[in-house]
Amino acid sequence: MAGLDIVEDRSPAFWDRIANHPEVAPHVFLGHEAVSLAGMVQSPLATPLRGQNGGFIFLRLDSLGRVHELHTLFTPEGWGREVLLSAKQAFARMFEAGAQVIVTYEVEGWKRSQPPLSFGFKPAGDFASALGTALRTWTLTRSAWDLSPARGRM
């Protein structure tokens, strides 16, 4: 995976460049005015892991660091192989660091926002209104990751 290794990066300039890309921004800001991700990526509750064309921001939701909310941000140049290879590294890193549950959201009508089933993600319910759109919550547990085809191919 040379050249695709992820690193922790709290630089707002990098994350804002990805989030404000014209093909990404409508799905990040959901029709709202764009804002800087500085507060998010610089928070002590965040683990921002980046590759070349985007990355993953994990936000700790509990005091023990067991439950994290995932936000995935990649420009079109990173869609496909980079996302897949980077995701394997990111999830391995988070679970090795003690995470037990990761939650994320799928935006209705934006297929790229659906997490990969081969990683062990399961829907937590149907689409429901949130933030002016319809979102579906997905969960990934440590045990589902350990048994997943994606983890088995690492």
C-alpha atoms as a PDB file:
ATOM      1  CA  MET A   1       0.000   0.000   0.000  1.00  0.00           C
ATOM      2  CA  ALA A   2       2.955   2.284  -0.536  1.00  0.00           C
ATOM      3  CA  GLY A   3       1.843   5.825  -1.211  1.00  0.00           C
ATOM      4  CA  LEU A   4      -1.578   5.174   0.322  1.00  0.00           C
ATOM      5  CA  ASP A   5      -0.594   4.998   3.978  1.00  0.00           C
ATOM      6  CA  ILE A   6      -2.801   7.089   6.222  1.00  0.00           C
ATOM      7  CA  VAL A   7      -1.493   9.569   8.762  1.00  0.00           C
ATOM      8  CA  GLU A   8      -3.112  11.624  11.490  1.00  0.00           C
ATOM      9  CA  ASP A   9      -3.529  15.202  10.271  1.00  0.00           C
ATOM     10  CA  ARG A  10      -5.251  18.038  12.144  1.00  0.00           C
ATOM     11  CA  SER A  11      -4.573  20.629   9.420  1.00  0.00           C
ATOM     12  CA  PRO A  12      -7.777  22.559   8.667  1.00  0.00           C
ATOM     13  CA  ALA A  13      -6.346  23.545   5.259  1.00  0.00           C
ATOM     14  CA  PHE A  14      -6.246  19.914   4.102  1.00  0.00           C
ATOM     15  CA  TRP A  15      -9.725  18.991   5.379  1.00  0.00           C
ATOM     16  CA  ASP A  16     -11.340  22.233   4.188  1.00  0.00           C
ATOM     17  CA  ARG A  17      -9.874  21.688   0.695  1.00  0.00           C
ATOM     18  CA  ILE A  18     -11.474  18.227   0.554  1.00  0.00           C
ATOM     19  CA  ALA A  19     -14.832  19.296   2.043  1.00  0.00           C
ATOM     20  CA  ASN A  20     -15.111  22.296  -0.276  1.00  0.00           C
ATOM     21  CA  HIS A  21     -14.366  20.384  -3.475  1.00  0.00           C
ATOM     22  CA  PRO A  22     -17.312  21.093  -5.829  1.00  0.00           C
ATOM     23  CA  GLU A  23     -18.251  17.405  -6.107  1.00  0.00           C
ATOM     24  CA  VAL A  24     -17.980  16.840  -2.347  1.00  0.00           C
ATOM     25  CA  ALA A  25     -19.364  20.005  -0.709  1.00  0.00           C
ATOM     26  CA  PRO A  26     -23.056  19.420  -1.571  1.00  0.00           C
ATOM     27  CA  HIS A  27     -22.912  16.083   0.277  1.00  0.00           C
ATOM     28  CA  VAL A  28     -20.940  17.389   3.251  1.00  0.00           C
ATOM     29  CA  PHE A  29     -22.827  20.599   3.926  1.00  0.00           C
ATOM     30  CA  LEU A  30     -26.206  19.285   2.693  1.00  0.00           C
ATOM     31  CA  GLY A  31     -27.284  22.588   1.202  1.00  0.00           C
ATOM     32  CA  HIS A  32     -26.102  24.650   4.164  1.00  0.00           C
ATOM     33  CA  GLU A  33     -23.375  27.283   3.975  1.00  0.00           C
ATOM     34  CA  ALA A  34     -19.863  25.787   3.969  1.00  0.00           C
ATOM     35  CA  VAL A  35     -17.921  26.124   7.200  1.00  0.00           C
ATOM     36  CA  SER A  36     -14.345  25.316   8.167  1.00  0.00           C
ATOM     37  CA  LEU A  37     -13.733  21.882   9.659  1.00  0.00           C
ATOM     38  CA  ALA A  38     -11.029  23.351  11.937  1.00  0.00           C
ATOM     39  CA  GLY A  39     -13.075  22.924  15.110  1.00  0.00           C
ATOM     40  CA  MET A  40     -13.787  19.308  14.270  1.00  0.00           C
ATOM     41  CA  VAL A  41     -10.315  18.155  13.209  1.00  0.00           C
ATOM     42  CA  GLN A  42      -8.528  20.030  15.981  1.00  0.00           C
ATOM     43  CA  SER A  43     -10.830  18.728  18.723  1.00  0.00           C
ATOM     44  CA  PRO A  44      -9.248  16.352  21.238  1.00  0.00           C
ATOM     45  CA  LEU A  45     -12.259  14.091  20.571  1.00  0.00           C
ATOM     46  CA  ALA A  46     -11.258  13.703  16.895  1.00  0.00           C
ATOM     47  CA  THR A  47      -8.936  11.274  15.177  1.00  0.00           C
ATOM     48  CA  PRO A  48      -8.505  12.687  11.658  1.00  0.00           C
ATOM     49  CA  LEU A  49      -6.746  10.122   9.438  1.00  0.00           C
ATOM     50  CA  ARG A  50      -5.857  11.217   5.919  1.00  0.00           C
ATOM     51  CA  GLY A  51      -4.558   9.760   2.716  1.00  0.00           C
ATOM     52  CA  GLN A  52      -3.617  11.630  -0.449  1.00  0.00           C
ATOM     53  CA  ASN A  53      -7.101  12.688  -1.634  1.00  0.00           C
ATOM     54  CA  GLY A  54      -9.115  12.614   1.547  1.00  0.00           C
ATOM     55  CA  GLY A  55      -9.598  10.625   4.684  1.00  0.00           C
ATOM     56  CA  PHE A  56     -11.659   9.761   7.717  1.00  0.00           C
ATOM     57  CA  ILE A  57     -12.557  11.792  10.762  1.00  0.00           C
ATOM     58  CA  PHE A  58     -13.498   9.683  13.786  1.00  0.00           C
ATOM     59  CA  LEU A  59     -15.214  11.573  16.625  1.00  0.00           C
ATOM     60  CA  ARG A  60     -15.216   9.949  20.050  1.00  0.00           C
ATOM     61  CA  LEU A  61     -18.787   9.828  21.380  1.00  0.00           C
ATOM     62  CA  ASP A  62     -18.206   8.332  24.817  1.00  0.00           C
ATOM     63  CA  SER A  63     -15.866   8.978  27.729  1.00  0.00           C
ATOM     64  CA  LEU A  64     -14.075   5.622  27.320  1.00  0.00           C
ATOM     65  CA  GLY A  65     -13.226   5.958  23.627  1.00  0.00           C
ATOM     66  CA  ARG A  66     -15.226   2.872  22.689  1.00  0.00           C
ATOM     67  CA  VAL A  67     -17.832   4.511  20.417  1.00  0.00           C
ATOM     68  CA  HIS A  68     -16.893   6.734  17.461  1.00  0.00           C
ATOM     69  CA  GLU A  69     -18.797   8.605  14.759  1.00  0.00           C
ATOM     70  CA  LEU A  70     -17.187   8.358  11.315  1.00  0.00           C
ATOM     71  CA  HIS A  71     -17.106  11.053   8.633  1.00  0.00           C
ATOM     72  CA  THR A  72     -15.579  10.079   5.275  1.00  0.00           C
ATOM     73  CA  LEU A  73     -14.292  12.806   2.948  1.00  0.00           C
ATOM     74  CA  PHE A  74     -12.572  12.073  -0.378  1.00  0.00           C
ATOM     75  CA  THR A  75     -12.352  14.000  -3.627  1.00  0.00           C
ATOM     76  CA  PRO A  76     -13.211  12.121  -6.849  1.00  0.00           C
ATOM     77  CA  GLU A  77      -9.495  11.411  -7.379  1.00  0.00           C
ATOM     78  CA  GLY A  78      -9.585   9.234  -4.257  1.00  0.00           C
ATOM     79  CA  TRP A  79     -12.886   7.444  -4.908  1.00  0.00           C
ATOM     80  CA  GLY A  80     -12.452   3.722  -5.372  1.00  0.00           C
ATOM     81  CA  ARG A  81      -9.112   2.077  -4.597  1.00  0.00           C
ATOM     82  CA  GLU A  82      -7.720   4.824  -2.321  1.00  0.00           C
ATOM     83  CA  VAL A  83     -10.856   4.908  -0.175  1.00  0.00           C
ATOM     84  CA  LEU A  84     -10.889   1.116   0.152  1.00  0.00           C
ATOM     85  CA  LEU A  85      -7.213   0.702   1.041  1.00  0.00           C
ATOM     86  CA  SER A  86      -7.202   3.710   3.357  1.00  0.00           C
ATOM     87  CA  ALA A  87     -10.383   2.529   5.085  1.00  0.00           C
ATOM     88  CA  LYS A  88      -8.824  -0.833   5.909  1.00  0.00           C
ATOM     89  CA  GLN A  89      -5.912   0.941   7.567  1.00  0.00           C
ATOM     90  CA  ALA A  90      -8.147   3.420   9.388  1.00  0.00           C
ATOM     91  CA  PHE A  91     -10.501   0.795  10.814  1.00  0.00           C
ATOM     92  CA  ALA A  92      -7.636  -1.466  11.861  1.00  0.00           C
ATOM     93  CA  ARG A  93      -6.024   1.479  13.632  1.00  0.00           C
ATOM     94  CA  MET A  94      -9.203   2.542  15.431  1.00  0.00           C
ATOM     95  CA  PHE A  95     -10.091  -0.968  16.603  1.00  0.00           C
ATOM     96  CA  GLU A  96      -6.524  -1.652  17.722  1.00  0.00           C
ATOM     97  CA  ALA A  97      -6.727   1.575  19.758  1.00  0.00           C
ATOM     98  CA  GLY A  98      -9.779   0.291  21.664  1.00  0.00           C
ATOM     99  CA  ALA A  99     -12.811   1.274  19.602  1.00  0.00           C
ATOM    100  CA  GLN A 100     -15.717  -1.162  19.911  1.00  0.00           C
ATOM    101  CA  VAL A 101     -18.424   0.533  17.792  1.00  0.00           C
ATOM    102  CA  ILE A 102     -18.248   2.897  14.831  1.00  0.00           C
ATOM    103  CA  VAL A 103     -21.353   4.659  13.530  1.00  0.00           C
ATOM    104  CA  THR A 104     -21.740   6.551  10.275  1.00  0.00           C
ATOM    105  CA  TYR A 105     -24.473   7.950   8.079  1.00  0.00           C
ATOM    106  CA  GLU A 106     -25.676   7.370   4.539  1.00  0.00           C
ATOM    107  CA  VAL A 107     -27.290  10.277   2.721  1.00  0.00           C
ATOM    108  CA  GLU A 108     -30.348   9.135   0.772  1.00  0.00           C
ATOM    109  CA  GLY A 109     -29.658   9.381  -2.954  1.00  0.00           C
ATOM    110  CA  TRP A 110     -25.850   9.557  -2.527  1.00  0.00           C
ATOM    111  CA  LYS A 111     -24.713   5.958  -3.036  1.00  0.00           C
ATOM    112  CA  ARG A 112     -21.075   6.810  -2.261  1.00  0.00           C
ATOM    113  CA  SER A 113     -22.081   7.575   1.330  1.00  0.00           C
ATOM    114  CA  GLN A 114     -23.106   3.967   2.012  1.00  0.00           C
ATOM    115  CA  PRO A 115     -20.375   2.210   3.984  1.00  0.00           C
ATOM    116  CA  PRO A 116     -18.912  -1.004   2.568  1.00  0.00           C
ATOM    117  CA  LEU A 117     -20.863  -4.113   3.543  1.00  0.00           C
ATOM    118  CA  SER A 118     -17.660  -6.175   3.176  1.00  0.00           C
ATOM    119  CA  PHE A 119     -16.348  -4.389   6.286  1.00  0.00           C
ATOM    120  CA  GLY A 120     -19.249  -5.687   8.399  1.00  0.00           C
ATOM    121  CA  PHE A 121     -21.421  -2.567   8.532  1.00  0.00           C
ATOM    122  CA  LYS A 122     -25.115  -3.117   9.299  1.00  0.00           C
ATOM    123  CA  PRO A 123     -27.963  -0.605   8.946  1.00  0.00           C
ATOM    124  CA  ALA A 124     -29.414   0.531  12.262  1.00  0.00           C
ATOM    125  CA  GLY A 125     -32.751   1.408  10.671  1.00  0.00           C
ATOM    126  CA  ASP A 126     -34.385   3.041   7.686  1.00  0.00           C
ATOM    127  CA  PHE A 127     -33.789   6.509   6.284  1.00  0.00           C
ATOM    128  CA  ALA A 128     -35.147   9.262   8.532  1.00  0.00           C
ATOM    129  CA  SER A 129     -35.217  13.043   8.325  1.00  0.00           C
ATOM    130  CA  ALA A 130     -32.179  14.822   9.766  1.00  0.00           C
ATOM    131  CA  LEU A 131     -30.359  18.053   8.887  1.00  0.00           C
ATOM    132  CA  GLY A 132     -32.837  18.810   6.121  1.00  0.00           C
ATOM    133  CA  THR A 133     -32.310  15.511   4.304  1.00  0.00           C
ATOM    134  CA  ALA A 134     -32.852  11.806   4.891  1.00  0.00           C
ATOM    135  CA  LEU A 135     -30.076   9.846   6.596  1.00  0.00           C
ATOM    136  CA  ARG A 136     -29.621   6.185   7.493  1.00  0.00           C
ATOM    137  CA  THR A 137     -27.393   5.233  10.414  1.00  0.00           C
ATOM    138  CA  TRP A 138     -24.953   2.336   9.989  1.00  0.00           C
ATOM    139  CA  THR A 139     -22.991   0.547  12.702  1.00  0.00           C
ATOM    140  CA  LEU A 140     -19.792  -1.470  12.697  1.00  0.00           C
ATOM    141  CA  THR A 141     -18.777  -3.422  15.781  1.00  0.00           C
ATOM    142  CA  ARG A 142     -15.295  -4.689  16.543  1.00  0.00           C
ATOM    143  CA  SER A 143     -16.495  -8.290  16.320  1.00  0.00           C
ATOM    144  CA  ALA A 144     -18.166  -7.701  12.921  1.00  0.00           C
ATOM    145  CA  TRP A 145     -14.935  -6.086  11.641  1.00  0.00           C
ATOM    146  CA  ASP A 146     -12.826  -9.007  12.885  1.00  0.00           C
ATOM    147  CA  LEU A 147     -15.067 -11.470  11.014  1.00  0.00           C
ATOM    148  CA  SER A 148     -15.458  -9.371   7.857  1.00  0.00           C
ATOM    149  CA  PRO A 149     -14.114 -10.273   4.414  1.00  0.00           C
ATOM    150  CA  ALA A 150     -12.247  -6.922   4.293  1.00  0.00           C
ATOM    151  CA  ARG A 151     -10.374  -7.668   7.529  1.00  0.00           C
ATOM    152  CA  GLY A 152      -9.679 -11.230   6.395  1.00  0.00           C
ATOM    153  CA  ARG A 153      -7.941  -9.967   3.224  1.00  0.00           C
ATOM    154  CA  MET A 154      -5.516  -7.722   5.105  1.00  0.00           C
END
